[in-house]
Amino acid sequence: MPVLHARIATDRAARYLAQFCRHATAMGDGRGHRIRRHGGAGARPAAVRVTEFGDTRGVVEFEPWGRAEFTAEPALLSIRLDAADAAAAARLCAVIGDDLRRFGRLDVEWVAAEPESAPGDPR
């Protein structure tokens, strides 16, 4: 299961977190555009659900592709992406990156997460 992170310097992190969660809610309830517009040809549409949404944290589930956790700090928007596989990771990176570019002209650079240390591992 690929895990990716993005850290975006912005003084409007809470605003972009809220905007993305509202947008995802609209995608999930059928009022907004469908996720398949982002997926490209042959991409299976994802079911979108916002499972947590507050001032500093939001969690969006993209079934069956994965989930994204957003965290807003005073000068930083952080995103953790847990994807089902490499293809799903690529789709989610594109979906989230395209929307944030459109919302605030934000450039999103994804990096692979460091493997977590095993218990007792001195890393």
PDB file of N, CA and C in Angstrom:
ATOM      1  N   MET A   1       0.843  -1.169   0.000  1.00  0.00           N
ATOM      2  CA  MET A   1       0.000   0.000   0.000  1.00  0.00           C
ATOM      3  C   MET A   1       0.894   1.240   0.000  1.00  0.00           C
ATOM      4  N   PRO A   2       0.952   1.989  -1.092  1.00  0.00           N
ATOM      5  CA  PRO A   2       1.796   3.191  -1.144  1.00  0.00           C
ATOM      6  C   PRO A   2       1.290   4.273  -0.178  1.00  0.00           C
ATOM      7  N   VAL A   3       2.234   4.910   0.485  1.00  0.00           N
ATOM      8  CA  VAL A   3       1.941   6.047   1.356  1.00  0.00           C
ATOM      9  C   VAL A   3       2.788   7.206   0.863  1.00  0.00           C
ATOM     10  N   LEU A   4       2.125   8.324   0.571  1.00  0.00           N
ATOM     11  CA  LEU A   4       2.805   9.520   0.076  1.00  0.00           C
ATOM     12  C   LEU A   4       2.467  10.697   0.976  1.00  0.00           C
ATOM     13  N   HIS A   5       3.359  11.681   0.983  1.00  0.00           N
ATOM     14  CA  HIS A   5       3.144  12.905   1.750  1.00  0.00           C
ATOM     15  C   HIS A   5       3.365  14.106   0.838  1.00  0.00           C
ATOM     16  N   ALA A   6       2.647  15.175   1.152  1.00  0.00           N
ATOM     17  CA  ALA A   6       2.896  16.472   0.518  1.00  0.00           C
ATOM     18  C   ALA A   6       2.834  17.519   1.621  1.00  0.00           C
ATOM     19  N   ARG A   7       3.746  18.468   1.565  1.00  0.00           N
ATOM     20  CA  ARG A   7       3.757  19.577   2.511  1.00  0.00           C
ATOM     21  C   ARG A   7       3.819  20.858   1.690  1.00  0.00           C
ATOM     22  N   ILE A   8       2.786  21.677   1.857  1.00  0.00           N
ATOM     23  CA  ILE A   8       2.624  22.860   1.018  1.00  0.00           C
ATOM     24  C   ILE A   8       2.665  24.096   1.913  1.00  0.00           C
ATOM     25  N   ALA A   9       3.655  24.942   1.679  1.00  0.00           N
ATOM     26  CA  ALA A   9       3.766  26.184   2.445  1.00  0.00           C
ATOM     27  C   ALA A   9       2.689  27.156   1.965  1.00  0.00           C
ATOM     28  N   THR A  10       1.825  27.571   2.892  1.00  0.00           N
ATOM     29  CA  THR A  10       0.775  28.539   2.580  1.00  0.00           C
ATOM     30  C   THR A  10       0.250  29.131   3.881  1.00  0.00           C
ATOM     31  N   ASP A  11      -0.094  30.402   3.855  1.00  0.00           N
ATOM     32  CA  ASP A  11      -0.681  31.019   5.034  1.00  0.00           C
ATOM     33  C   ASP A  11      -2.199  30.832   5.051  1.00  0.00           C
ATOM     34  N   ARG A  12      -2.728  30.064   4.104  1.00  0.00           N
ATOM     35  CA  ARG A  12      -4.169  29.806   4.018  1.00  0.00           C
ATOM     36  C   ARG A  12      -4.479  28.311   4.092  1.00  0.00           C
ATOM     37  N   ALA A  13      -3.712  27.580   4.865  1.00  0.00           N
ATOM     38  CA  ALA A  13      -3.863  26.125   4.937  1.00  0.00           C
ATOM     39  C   ALA A  13      -5.277  25.710   5.347  1.00  0.00           C
ATOM     40  N   ALA A  14      -5.836  26.346   6.371  1.00  0.00           N
ATOM     41  CA  ALA A  14      -7.177  25.980   6.837  1.00  0.00           C
ATOM     42  C   ALA A  14      -8.221  26.247   5.758  1.00  0.00           C
ATOM     43  N   ARG A  15      -8.034  27.321   5.023  1.00  0.00           N
ATOM     44  CA  ARG A  15      -8.979  27.643   3.940  1.00  0.00           C
ATOM     45  C   ARG A  15      -8.961  26.557   2.863  1.00  0.00           C
ATOM     46  N   TYR A  16      -7.757  26.107   2.452  1.00  0.00           N
ATOM     47  CA  TYR A  16      -7.676  25.095   1.403  1.00  0.00           C
ATOM     48  C   TYR A  16      -8.147  23.729   1.897  1.00  0.00           C
ATOM     49  N   LEU A  17      -7.895  23.407   3.159  1.00  0.00           N
ATOM     50  CA  LEU A  17      -8.421  22.176   3.743  1.00  0.00           C
ATOM     51  C   LEU A  17      -9.948  22.197   3.666  1.00  0.00           C
ATOM     52  N   ALA A  18     -10.565  23.282   4.116  1.00  0.00           N
ATOM     53  CA  ALA A  18     -12.024  23.395   4.097  1.00  0.00           C
ATOM     54  C   ALA A  18     -12.568  23.356   2.676  1.00  0.00           C
ATOM     55  N   GLN A  19     -11.909  24.051   1.770  1.00  0.00           N
ATOM     56  CA  GLN A  19     -12.374  24.087   0.381  1.00  0.00           C
ATOM     57  C   GLN A  19     -12.315  22.695  -0.245  1.00  0.00           C
ATOM     58  N   PHE A  20     -11.227  21.965   0.003  1.00  0.00           N
ATOM     59  CA  PHE A  20     -11.131  20.620  -0.566  1.00  0.00           C
ATOM     60  C   PHE A  20     -12.201  19.703   0.041  1.00  0.00           C
ATOM     61  N   CYS A  21     -12.408  19.765   1.350  1.00  0.00           N
ATOM     62  CA  CYS A  21     -13.414  18.910   1.983  1.00  0.00           C
ATOM     63  C   CYS A  21     -14.824  19.239   1.496  1.00  0.00           C
ATOM     64  N   ARG A  22     -15.144  20.513   1.320  1.00  0.00           N
ATOM     65  CA  ARG A  22     -16.464  20.876   0.775  1.00  0.00           C
ATOM     66  C   ARG A  22     -16.610  20.365  -0.654  1.00  0.00           C
ATOM     67  N   HIS A  23     -15.556  20.496  -1.435  1.00  0.00           N
ATOM     68  CA  HIS A  23     -15.555  20.008  -2.818  1.00  0.00           C
ATOM     69  C   HIS A  23     -15.744  18.486  -2.840  1.00  0.00           C
ATOM     70  N   ALA A  24     -15.041  17.773  -1.964  1.00  0.00           N
ATOM     71  CA  ALA A  24     -15.167  16.318  -1.902  1.00  0.00           C
ATOM     72  C   ALA A  24     -16.580  15.910  -1.471  1.00  0.00           C
ATOM     73  N   THR A  25     -17.171  16.668  -0.556  1.00  0.00           N
ATOM     74  CA  THR A  25     -18.550  16.394  -0.143  1.00  0.00           C
ATOM     75  C   THR A  25     -19.491  16.525  -1.330  1.00  0.00           C
ATOM     76  N   ALA A  26     -19.285  17.562  -2.136  1.00  0.00           N
ATOM     77  CA  ALA A  26     -20.134  17.746  -3.321  1.00  0.00           C
ATOM     78  C   ALA A  26     -19.936  16.619  -4.327  1.00  0.00           C
ATOM     79  N   MET A  27     -18.693  16.154  -4.483  1.00  0.00           N
ATOM     80  CA  MET A  27     -18.451  15.027  -5.388  1.00  0.00           C
ATOM     81  C   MET A  27     -19.169  13.786  -4.880  1.00  0.00           C
ATOM     82  N   GLY A  28     -19.169  13.590  -3.581  1.00  0.00           N
ATOM     83  CA  GLY A  28     -19.753  12.392  -2.995  1.00  0.00           C
ATOM     84  C   GLY A  28     -21.259  12.366  -3.010  1.00  0.00           C
ATOM     85  N   ASP A  29     -21.904  13.538  -2.951  1.00  0.00           N
ATOM     86  CA  ASP A  29     -23.370  13.528  -2.902  1.00  0.00           C
ATOM     87  C   ASP A  29     -24.019  13.773  -4.252  1.00  0.00           C
ATOM     88  N   GLY A  30     -23.216  13.869  -5.300  1.00  0.00           N
ATOM     89  CA  GLY A  30     -23.768  14.002  -6.644  1.00  0.00           C
ATOM     90  C   GLY A  30     -24.081  15.423  -7.073  1.00  0.00           C
ATOM     91  N   ARG A  31     -23.919  16.416  -6.182  1.00  0.00           N
ATOM     92  CA  ARG A  31     -24.200  17.804  -6.555  1.00  0.00           C
ATOM     93  C   ARG A  31     -23.080  18.415  -7.384  1.00  0.00           C
ATOM     94  N   GLY A  32     -21.865  17.975  -7.167  1.00  0.00           N
ATOM     95  CA  GLY A  32     -20.715  18.522  -7.886  1.00  0.00           C
ATOM     96  C   GLY A  32     -20.334  17.623  -9.042  1.00  0.00           C
ATOM     97  N   HIS A  33     -19.169  17.885  -9.618  1.00  0.00           N
ATOM     98  CA  HIS A  33     -18.728  17.020 -10.705  1.00  0.00           C
ATOM     99  C   HIS A  33     -18.325  15.666 -10.161  1.00  0.00           C
ATOM    100  N   ARG A  34     -18.333  14.694 -11.009  1.00  0.00           N
ATOM    101  CA  ARG A  34     -18.006  13.334 -10.601  1.00  0.00           C
ATOM    102  C   ARG A  34     -16.494  13.150 -10.594  1.00  0.00           C
ATOM    103  N   ILE A  35     -16.019  12.272  -9.741  1.00  0.00           N
ATOM    104  CA  ILE A  35     -14.582  12.002  -9.628  1.00  0.00           C
ATOM    105  C   ILE A  35     -14.023  11.462 -10.940  1.00  0.00           C
ATOM    106  N   ARG A  36     -14.845  10.797 -11.737  1.00  0.00           N
ATOM    107  CA  ARG A  36     -14.324  10.187 -12.966  1.00  0.00           C
ATOM    108  C   ARG A  36     -13.755  11.225 -13.927  1.00  0.00           C
ATOM    109  N   ARG A  37     -14.175  12.478 -13.838  1.00  0.00           N
ATOM    110  CA  ARG A  37     -13.590  13.509 -14.698  1.00  0.00           C
ATOM    111  C   ARG A  37     -12.091  13.652 -14.444  1.00  0.00           C
ATOM    112  N   HIS A  38     -11.672  13.383 -13.232  1.00  0.00           N
ATOM    113  CA  HIS A  38     -10.263  13.476 -12.887  1.00  0.00           C
ATOM    114  C   HIS A  38      -9.484  12.225 -13.283  1.00  0.00           C
ATOM    115  N   GLY A  39     -10.157  11.097 -13.382  1.00  0.00           N
ATOM    116  CA  GLY A  39      -9.469   9.828 -13.486  1.00  0.00           C
ATOM    117  C   GLY A  39      -8.887   9.494 -14.840  1.00  0.00           C
ATOM    118  N   GLY A  40      -9.321  10.146 -15.893  1.00  0.00           N
ATOM    119  CA  GLY A  40      -8.817   9.826 -17.223  1.00  0.00           C
ATOM    120  C   GLY A  40      -9.565   8.666 -17.836  1.00  0.00           C
ATOM    121  N   ALA A  41      -9.243   8.357 -19.055  1.00  0.00           N
ATOM    122  CA  ALA A  41      -9.925   7.299 -19.785  1.00  0.00           C
ATOM    123  C   ALA A  41      -9.746   5.958 -19.095  1.00  0.00           C
ATOM    124  N   GLY A  42     -10.831   5.235 -18.951  1.00  0.00           N
ATOM    125  CA  GLY A  42     -10.768   3.896 -18.386  1.00  0.00           C
ATOM    126  C   GLY A  42     -10.660   3.844 -16.876  1.00  0.00           C
ATOM    127  N   ALA A  43     -10.608   4.971 -16.226  1.00  0.00           N
ATOM    128  CA  ALA A  43     -10.496   4.967 -14.769  1.00  0.00           C
ATOM    129  C   ALA A  43     -11.858   4.676 -14.154  1.00  0.00           C
ATOM    130  N   ARG A  44     -11.886   3.745 -13.226  1.00  0.00           N
ATOM    131  CA  ARG A  44     -13.116   3.433 -12.524  1.00  0.00           C
ATOM    132  C   ARG A  44     -13.426   4.560 -11.549  1.00  0.00           C
ATOM    133  N   PRO A  45     -14.662   5.078 -11.544  1.00  0.00           N
ATOM    134  CA  PRO A  45     -14.982   6.173 -10.636  1.00  0.00           C
ATOM    135  C   PRO A  45     -14.842   5.739  -9.181  1.00  0.00           C
ATOM    136  N   ALA A  46     -14.451   6.660  -8.342  1.00  0.00           N
ATOM    137  CA  ALA A  46     -14.330   6.392  -6.916  1.00  0.00           C
ATOM    138  C   ALA A  46     -15.560   6.937  -6.201  1.00  0.00           C
ATOM    139  N   ALA A  47     -15.956   6.270  -5.132  1.00  0.00           N
ATOM    140  CA  ALA A  47     -16.967   6.810  -4.232  1.00  0.00           C
ATOM    141  C   ALA A  47     -16.221   7.708  -3.249  1.00  0.00           C
ATOM    142  N   VAL A  48     -16.689   8.923  -3.063  1.00  0.00           N
ATOM    143  CA  VAL A  48     -15.984   9.900  -2.241  1.00  0.00           C
ATOM    144  C   VAL A  48     -16.807  10.199  -0.990  1.00  0.00           C
ATOM    145  N   ARG A  49     -16.153  10.115   0.174  1.00  0.00           N
ATOM    146  CA  ARG A  49     -16.788  10.418   1.453  1.00  0.00           C
ATOM    147  C   ARG A  49     -15.833  11.221   2.307  1.00  0.00           C
ATOM    148  N   VAL A  50     -16.330  12.286   2.898  1.00  0.00           N
ATOM    149  CA  VAL A  50     -15.556  13.030   3.883  1.00  0.00           C
ATOM    150  C   VAL A  50     -15.913  12.424   5.238  1.00  0.00           C
ATOM    151  N   THR A  51     -14.927  11.806   5.893  1.00  0.00           N
ATOM    152  CA  THR A  51     -15.199  11.126   7.156  1.00  0.00           C
ATOM    153  C   THR A  51     -14.804  11.954   8.370  1.00  0.00           C
ATOM    154  N   GLU A  52     -14.042  13.005   8.151  1.00  0.00           N
ATOM    155  CA  GLU A  52     -13.676  13.918   9.237  1.00  0.00           C
ATOM    156  C   GLU A  52     -13.426  15.279   8.623  1.00  0.00           C
ATOM    157  N   PHE A  53     -13.942  16.332   9.280  1.00  0.00           N
ATOM    158  CA  PHE A  53     -13.764  17.671   8.744  1.00  0.00           C
ATOM    159  C   PHE A  53     -13.850  18.662   9.895  1.00  0.00           C
ATOM    160  N   GLY A  54     -12.719  19.287  10.202  1.00  0.00           N
ATOM    161  CA  GLY A  54     -12.662  20.294  11.254  1.00  0.00           C
ATOM    162  C   GLY A  54     -11.776  21.442  10.812  1.00  0.00           C
ATOM    163  N   ASP A  55     -11.460  22.319  11.732  1.00  0.00           N
ATOM    164  CA  ASP A  55     -10.648  23.499  11.420  1.00  0.00           C
ATOM    165  C   ASP A  55      -9.227  23.149  11.001  1.00  0.00           C
ATOM    166  N   THR A  56      -8.669  22.074  11.577  1.00  0.00           N
ATOM    167  CA  THR A  56      -7.266  21.760  11.302  1.00  0.00           C
ATOM    168  C   THR A  56      -7.050  20.371  10.722  1.00  0.00           C
ATOM    169  N   ARG A  57      -8.116  19.593  10.557  1.00  0.00           N
ATOM    170  CA  ARG A  57      -7.954  18.222  10.059  1.00  0.00           C
ATOM    171  C   ARG A  57      -9.152  17.826   9.209  1.00  0.00           C
ATOM    172  N   GLY A  58      -8.855  17.133   8.113  1.00  0.00           N
ATOM    173  CA  GLY A  58      -9.902  16.584   7.264  1.00  0.00           C
ATOM    174  C   GLY A  58      -9.451  15.248   6.716  1.00  0.00           C
ATOM    175  N   VAL A  59     -10.380  14.305   6.612  1.00  0.00           N
ATOM    176  CA  VAL A  59     -10.084  12.986   6.059  1.00  0.00           C
ATOM    177  C   VAL A  59     -11.101  12.705   4.965  1.00  0.00           C
ATOM    178  N   VAL A  60     -10.587  12.357   3.781  1.00  0.00           N
ATOM    179  CA  VAL A  60     -11.441  12.060   2.637  1.00  0.00           C
ATOM    180  C   VAL A  60     -11.128  10.650   2.162  1.00  0.00           C
ATOM    181  N   GLU A  61     -12.167   9.828   2.059  1.00  0.00           N
ATOM    182  CA  GLU A  61     -12.049   8.445   1.576  1.00  0.00           C
ATOM    183  C   GLU A  61     -12.434   8.420   0.099  1.00  0.00           C
ATOM    184  N   PHE A  62     -11.609   7.806  -0.711  1.00  0.00           N
ATOM    185  CA  PHE A  62     -11.867   7.620  -2.137  1.00  0.00           C
ATOM    186  C   PHE A  62     -11.924   6.110  -2.380  1.00  0.00           C
ATOM    187  N   GLU A  63     -13.098   5.521  -2.243  1.00  0.00           N
ATOM    188  CA  GLU A  63     -13.219   4.066  -2.402  1.00  0.00           C
ATOM    189  C   GLU A  63     -13.264   3.708  -3.878  1.00  0.00           C
ATOM    190  N   PRO A  64     -12.492   2.800  -4.359  1.00  0.00           N
ATOM    191  CA  PRO A  64     -11.590   1.885  -3.671  1.00  0.00           C
ATOM    192  C   PRO A  64     -10.131   2.336  -3.715  1.00  0.00           C
ATOM    193  N   TRP A  65      -9.875   3.583  -4.090  1.00  0.00           N
ATOM    194  CA  TRP A  65      -8.508   4.031  -4.345  1.00  0.00           C
ATOM    195  C   TRP A  65      -7.683   4.259  -3.092  1.00  0.00           C
ATOM    196  N   GLY A  66      -8.285   4.788  -2.028  1.00  0.00           N
ATOM    197  CA  GLY A  66      -7.522   5.074  -0.820  1.00  0.00           C
ATOM    198  C   GLY A  66      -8.114   6.226  -0.043  1.00  0.00           C
ATOM    199  N   ARG A  67      -7.276   6.886   0.727  1.00  0.00           N
ATOM    200  CA  ARG A  67      -7.740   7.994   1.559  1.00  0.00           C
ATOM    201  C   ARG A  67      -6.675   9.071   1.655  1.00  0.00           C
ATOM    202  N   ALA A  68      -7.131  10.284   1.942  1.00  0.00           N
ATOM    203  CA  ALA A  68      -6.229  11.421   2.121  1.00  0.00           C
ATOM    204  C   ALA A  68      -6.546  12.092   3.446  1.00  0.00           C
ATOM    205  N   GLU A  69      -5.508  12.361   4.224  1.00  0.00           N
ATOM    206  CA  GLU A  69      -5.641  13.078   5.488  1.00  0.00           C
ATOM    207  C   GLU A  69      -4.983  14.443   5.323  1.00  0.00           C
ATOM    208  N   PHE A  70      -5.739  15.492   5.555  1.00  0.00           N
ATOM    209  CA  PHE A  70      -5.256  16.860   5.454  1.00  0.00           C
ATOM    210  C   PHE A  70      -5.072  17.421   6.857  1.00  0.00           C
ATOM    211  N   THR A  71      -3.965  18.125   7.075  1.00  0.00           N
ATOM    212  CA  THR A  71      -3.717  18.797   8.349  1.00  0.00           C
ATOM    213  C   THR A  71      -3.299  20.231   8.044  1.00  0.00           C
ATOM    214  N   ALA A  72      -4.000  21.187   8.670  1.00  0.00           N
ATOM    215  CA  ALA A  72      -3.691  22.602   8.475  1.00  0.00           C
ATOM    216  C   ALA A  72      -2.976  23.140   9.701  1.00  0.00           C
ATOM    217  N   GLU A  73      -1.830  23.737   9.455  1.00  0.00           N
ATOM    218  CA  GLU A  73      -1.069  24.438  10.489  1.00  0.00           C
ATOM    219  C   GLU A  73      -1.006  25.903  10.064  1.00  0.00           C
ATOM    220  N   PRO A  74      -0.484  26.789  10.912  1.00  0.00           N
ATOM    221  CA  PRO A  74      -0.497  28.210  10.557  1.00  0.00           C
ATOM    222  C   PRO A  74       0.140  28.541   9.200  1.00  0.00           C
ATOM    223  N   ALA A  75       1.192  27.871   8.807  1.00  0.00           N
ATOM    224  CA  ALA A  75       1.842  28.198   7.533  1.00  0.00           C
ATOM    225  C   ALA A  75       2.090  26.965   6.670  1.00  0.00           C
ATOM    226  N   LEU A  76       1.319  25.882   6.911  1.00  0.00           N
ATOM    227  CA  LEU A  76       1.597  24.633   6.216  1.00  0.00           C
ATOM    228  C   LEU A  76       0.327  23.791   6.076  1.00  0.00           C
ATOM    229  N   LEU A  77       0.102  23.300   4.867  1.00  0.00           N
ATOM    230  CA  LEU A  77      -0.935  22.305   4.612  1.00  0.00           C
ATOM    231  C   LEU A  77      -0.215  20.993   4.346  1.00  0.00           C
ATOM    232  N   SER A  78      -0.490  19.981   5.184  1.00  0.00           N
ATOM    233  CA  SER A  78       0.127  18.665   5.026  1.00  0.00           C
ATOM    234  C   SER A  78      -0.932  17.680   4.563  1.00  0.00           C
ATOM    235  N   ILE A  79      -0.529  16.776   3.678  1.00  0.00           N
ATOM    236  CA  ILE A  79      -1.438  15.751   3.183  1.00  0.00           C
ATOM    237  C   ILE A  79      -0.722  14.412   3.276  1.00  0.00           C
ATOM    238  N   ARG A  80      -1.406  13.436   3.849  1.00  0.00           N
ATOM    239  CA  ARG A  80      -0.918  12.056   3.859  1.00  0.00           C
ATOM    240  C   ARG A  80      -1.883  11.270   2.985  1.00  0.00           C
ATOM    241  N   LEU A  81      -1.328  10.569   2.034  1.00  0.00           N
ATOM    242  CA  LEU A  81      -2.130   9.802   1.085  1.00  0.00           C
ATOM    243  C   LEU A  81      -1.812   8.321   1.261  1.00  0.00           C
ATOM    244  N   ASP A  82      -2.830   7.523   1.577  1.00  0.00           N
ATOM    245  CA  ASP A  82      -2.707   6.067   1.672  1.00  0.00           C
ATOM    246  C   ASP A  82      -3.488   5.490   0.505  1.00  0.00           C
ATOM    247  N   ALA A  83      -2.795   4.886  -0.452  1.00  0.00           N
ATOM    248  CA  ALA A  83      -3.440   4.387  -1.665  1.00  0.00           C
ATOM    249  C   ALA A  83      -3.450   2.867  -1.705  1.00  0.00           C
ATOM    250  N   ALA A  84      -4.419   2.323  -2.426  1.00  0.00           N
ATOM    251  CA  ALA A  84      -4.559   0.872  -2.545  1.00  0.00           C
ATOM    252  C   ALA A  84      -3.402   0.257  -3.328  1.00  0.00           C
ATOM    253  N   ASP A  85      -2.921   0.959  -4.345  1.00  0.00           N
ATOM    254  CA  ASP A  85      -1.820   0.469  -5.172  1.00  0.00           C
ATOM    255  C   ASP A  85      -1.204   1.655  -5.921  1.00  0.00           C
ATOM    256  N   ALA A  86      -0.213   1.387  -6.738  1.00  0.00           N
ATOM    257  CA  ALA A  86       0.498   2.467  -7.443  1.00  0.00           C
ATOM    258  C   ALA A  86      -0.413   3.228  -8.401  1.00  0.00           C
ATOM    259  N   ALA A  87      -1.299   2.518  -9.098  1.00  0.00           N
ATOM    260  CA  ALA A  87      -2.215   3.182 -10.040  1.00  0.00           C
ATOM    261  C   ALA A  87      -3.178   4.100  -9.283  1.00  0.00           C
ATOM    262  N   ALA A  88      -3.689   3.627  -8.164  1.00  0.00           N
ATOM    263  CA  ALA A  88      -4.595   4.443  -7.346  1.00  0.00           C
ATOM    264  C   ALA A  88      -3.854   5.661  -6.795  1.00  0.00           C
ATOM    265  N   ALA A  89      -2.606   5.479  -6.388  1.00  0.00           N
ATOM    266  CA  ALA A  89      -1.807   6.596  -5.884  1.00  0.00           C
ATOM    267  C   ALA A  89      -1.646   7.663  -6.958  1.00  0.00           C
ATOM    268  N   ALA A  90      -1.364   7.242  -8.177  1.00  0.00           N
ATOM    269  CA  ALA A  90      -1.203   8.206  -9.277  1.00  0.00           C
ATOM    270  C   ALA A  90      -2.497   8.970  -9.525  1.00  0.00           C
ATOM    271  N   ARG A  91      -3.628   8.270  -9.502  1.00  0.00           N
ATOM    272  CA  ARG A  91      -4.924   8.938  -9.700  1.00  0.00           C
ATOM    273  C   ARG A  91      -5.205   9.942  -8.588  1.00  0.00           C
ATOM    274  N   LEU A  92      -4.992   9.525  -7.342  1.00  0.00           N
ATOM    275  CA  LEU A  92      -5.277  10.417  -6.224  1.00  0.00           C
ATOM    276  C   LEU A  92      -4.344  11.620  -6.205  1.00  0.00           C
ATOM    277  N   CYS A  93      -3.085  11.420  -6.523  1.00  0.00           N
ATOM    278  CA  CYS A  93      -2.150  12.552  -6.611  1.00  0.00           C
ATOM    279  C   CYS A  93      -2.633  13.550  -7.658  1.00  0.00           C
ATOM    280  N   ALA A  94      -3.108  13.045  -8.787  1.00  0.00           N
ATOM    281  CA  ALA A  94      -3.611  13.915  -9.850  1.00  0.00           C
ATOM    282  C   ALA A  94      -4.882  14.643  -9.410  1.00  0.00           C
ATOM    283  N   VAL A  95      -5.823  13.926  -8.813  1.00  0.00           N
ATOM    284  CA  VAL A  95      -7.086  14.524  -8.376  1.00  0.00           C
ATOM    285  C   VAL A  95      -6.828  15.644  -7.372  1.00  0.00           C
ATOM    286  N   ILE A  96      -6.085  15.328  -6.325  1.00  0.00           N
ATOM    287  CA  ILE A  96      -5.839  16.299  -5.267  1.00  0.00           C
ATOM    288  C   ILE A  96      -4.986  17.455  -5.775  1.00  0.00           C
ATOM    289  N   GLY A  97      -3.928  17.140  -6.510  1.00  0.00           N
ATOM    290  CA  GLY A  97      -3.053  18.181  -7.046  1.00  0.00           C
ATOM    291  C   GLY A  97      -3.775  19.119  -7.995  1.00  0.00           C
ATOM    292  N   ASP A  98      -4.597  18.565  -8.903  1.00  0.00           N
ATOM    293  CA  ASP A  98      -5.355  19.402  -9.845  1.00  0.00           C
ATOM    294  C   ASP A  98      -6.307  20.339  -9.112  1.00  0.00           C
ATOM    295  N   ASP A  99      -7.014  19.806  -8.119  1.00  0.00           N
ATOM    296  CA  ASP A  99      -7.958  20.648  -7.388  1.00  0.00           C
ATOM    297  C   ASP A  99      -7.242  21.749  -6.613  1.00  0.00           C
ATOM    298  N   LEU A 100      -6.152  21.433  -5.936  1.00  0.00           N
ATOM    299  CA  LEU A 100      -5.442  22.466  -5.173  1.00  0.00           C
ATOM    300  C   LEU A 100      -4.801  23.505  -6.090  1.00  0.00           C
ATOM    301  N   ARG A 101      -4.355  23.090  -7.265  1.00  0.00           N
ATOM    302  CA  ARG A 101      -3.844  24.070  -8.234  1.00  0.00           C
ATOM    303  C   ARG A 101      -4.970  25.012  -8.662  1.00  0.00           C
ATOM    304  N   ARG A 102      -6.139  24.453  -8.890  1.00  0.00           N
ATOM    305  CA  ARG A 102      -7.272  25.268  -9.314  1.00  0.00           C
ATOM    306  C   ARG A 102      -7.757  26.176  -8.179  1.00  0.00           C
ATOM    307  N   PHE A 103      -7.799  25.666  -6.949  1.00  0.00           N
ATOM    308  CA  PHE A 103      -8.290  26.454  -5.821  1.00  0.00           C
ATOM    309  C   PHE A 103      -7.358  27.605  -5.466  1.00  0.00           C
ATOM    310  N   GLY A 104      -6.054  27.338  -5.437  1.00  0.00           N
ATOM    311  CA  GLY A 104      -5.140  28.350  -4.927  1.00  0.00           C
ATOM    312  C   GLY A 104      -3.817  28.433  -5.642  1.00  0.00           C
ATOM    313  N   ARG A 105      -3.755  27.871  -6.842  1.00  0.00           N
ATOM    314  CA  ARG A 105      -2.497  27.852  -7.597  1.00  0.00           C
ATOM    315  C   ARG A 105      -1.363  27.263  -6.761  1.00  0.00           C
ATOM    316  N   LEU A 106      -1.711  26.239  -5.990  1.00  0.00           N
ATOM    317  CA  LEU A 106      -0.724  25.571  -5.148  1.00  0.00           C
ATOM    318  C   LEU A 106      -0.042  24.457  -5.932  1.00  0.00           C
ATOM    319  N   ASP A 107       1.269  24.377  -5.803  1.00  0.00           N
ATOM    320  CA  ASP A 107       2.017  23.279  -6.403  1.00  0.00           C
ATOM    321  C   ASP A 107       2.180  22.189  -5.362  1.00  0.00           C
ATOM    322  N   VAL A 108       1.760  20.987  -5.727  1.00  0.00           N
ATOM    323  CA  VAL A 108       1.818  19.859  -4.805  1.00  0.00           C
ATOM    324  C   VAL A 108       2.909  18.910  -5.270  1.00  0.00           C
ATOM    325  N   GLU A 109       3.893  18.685  -4.417  1.00  0.00           N
ATOM    326  CA  GLU A 109       4.953  17.723  -4.699  1.00  0.00           C
ATOM    327  C   GLU A 109       4.819  16.570  -3.728  1.00  0.00           C
ATOM    328  N   TRP A 110       4.593  15.386  -4.268  1.00  0.00           N
ATOM    329  CA  TRP A 110       4.401  14.188  -3.454  1.00  0.00           C
ATOM    330  C   TRP A 110       5.730  13.483  -3.249  1.00  0.00           C
ATOM    331  N   VAL A 111       5.957  13.011  -2.036  1.00  0.00           N
ATOM    332  CA  VAL A 111       7.143  12.211  -1.737  1.00  0.00           C
ATOM    333  C   VAL A 111       6.697  10.938  -1.025  1.00  0.00           C
ATOM    334  N   ALA A 112       7.416   9.869  -1.283  1.00  0.00           N
ATOM    335  CA  ALA A 112       7.114   8.603  -0.615  1.00  0.00           C
ATOM    336  C   ALA A 112       7.410   8.739   0.867  1.00  0.00           C
ATOM    337  N   ALA A 113       6.535   8.174   1.682  1.00  0.00           N
ATOM    338  CA  ALA A 113       6.726   8.221   3.127  1.00  0.00           C
ATOM    339  C   ALA A 113       7.879   7.320   3.519  1.00  0.00           C
ATOM    340  N   GLU A 114       8.574   7.717   4.560  1.00  0.00           N
ATOM    341  CA  GLU A 114       9.639   6.877   5.108  1.00  0.00           C
ATOM    342  C   GLU A 114       9.012   5.647   5.721  1.00  0.00           C
ATOM    343  N   PRO A 115       9.628   4.481   5.562  1.00  0.00           N
ATOM    344  CA  PRO A 115       9.072   3.295   6.222  1.00  0.00           C
ATOM    345  C   PRO A 115       9.087   3.485   7.730  1.00  0.00           C
ATOM    346  N   GLU A 116       8.043   3.001   8.360  1.00  0.00           N
ATOM    347  CA  GLU A 116       7.966   3.142   9.810  1.00  0.00           C
ATOM    348  C   GLU A 116       8.913   2.173  10.476  1.00  0.00           C
ATOM    349  N   SER A 117       9.524   2.607  11.552  1.00  0.00           N
ATOM    350  CA  SER A 117      10.464   1.753  12.282  1.00  0.00           C
ATOM    351  C   SER A 117       9.715   0.645  13.006  1.00  0.00           C
ATOM    352  N   ALA A 118      10.340  -0.508  13.054  1.00  0.00           N
ATOM    353  CA  ALA A 118       9.777  -1.608  13.816  1.00  0.00           C
ATOM    354  C   ALA A 118      10.008  -1.340  15.294  1.00  0.00           C
ATOM    355  N   PRO A 119       9.165  -1.894  16.183  1.00  0.00           N
ATOM    356  CA  PRO A 119       9.384  -1.700  17.620  1.00  0.00           C
ATOM    357  C   PRO A 119      10.799  -2.139  18.006  1.00  0.00           C
ATOM    358  N   GLY A 120      11.482  -1.314  18.752  1.00  0.00           N
ATOM    359  CA  GLY A 120      12.830  -1.616  19.177  1.00  0.00           C
ATOM    360  C   GLY A 120      13.894  -1.250  18.174  1.00  0.00           C
ATOM    361  N   ASP A 121      13.517  -0.814  16.985  1.00  0.00           N
ATOM    362  CA  ASP A 121      14.467  -0.409  15.951  1.00  0.00           C
ATOM    363  C   ASP A 121      14.994   0.976  16.308  1.00  0.00           C
ATOM    364  N   PRO A 122      16.291   1.176  16.399  1.00  0.00           N
ATOM    365  CA  PRO A 122      16.849   2.456  16.851  1.00  0.00           C
ATOM    366  C   PRO A 122      16.760   3.581  15.821  1.00  0.00           C
ATOM    367  N   ARG A 123      16.217   3.332  14.615  1.00  0.00           N
ATOM    368  CA  ARG A 123      16.147   4.378  13.597  1.00  0.00           C
ATOM    369  C   ARG A 123      15.471   5.587  14.077  1.00  0.00           C
TER     370      ARG A 123
END
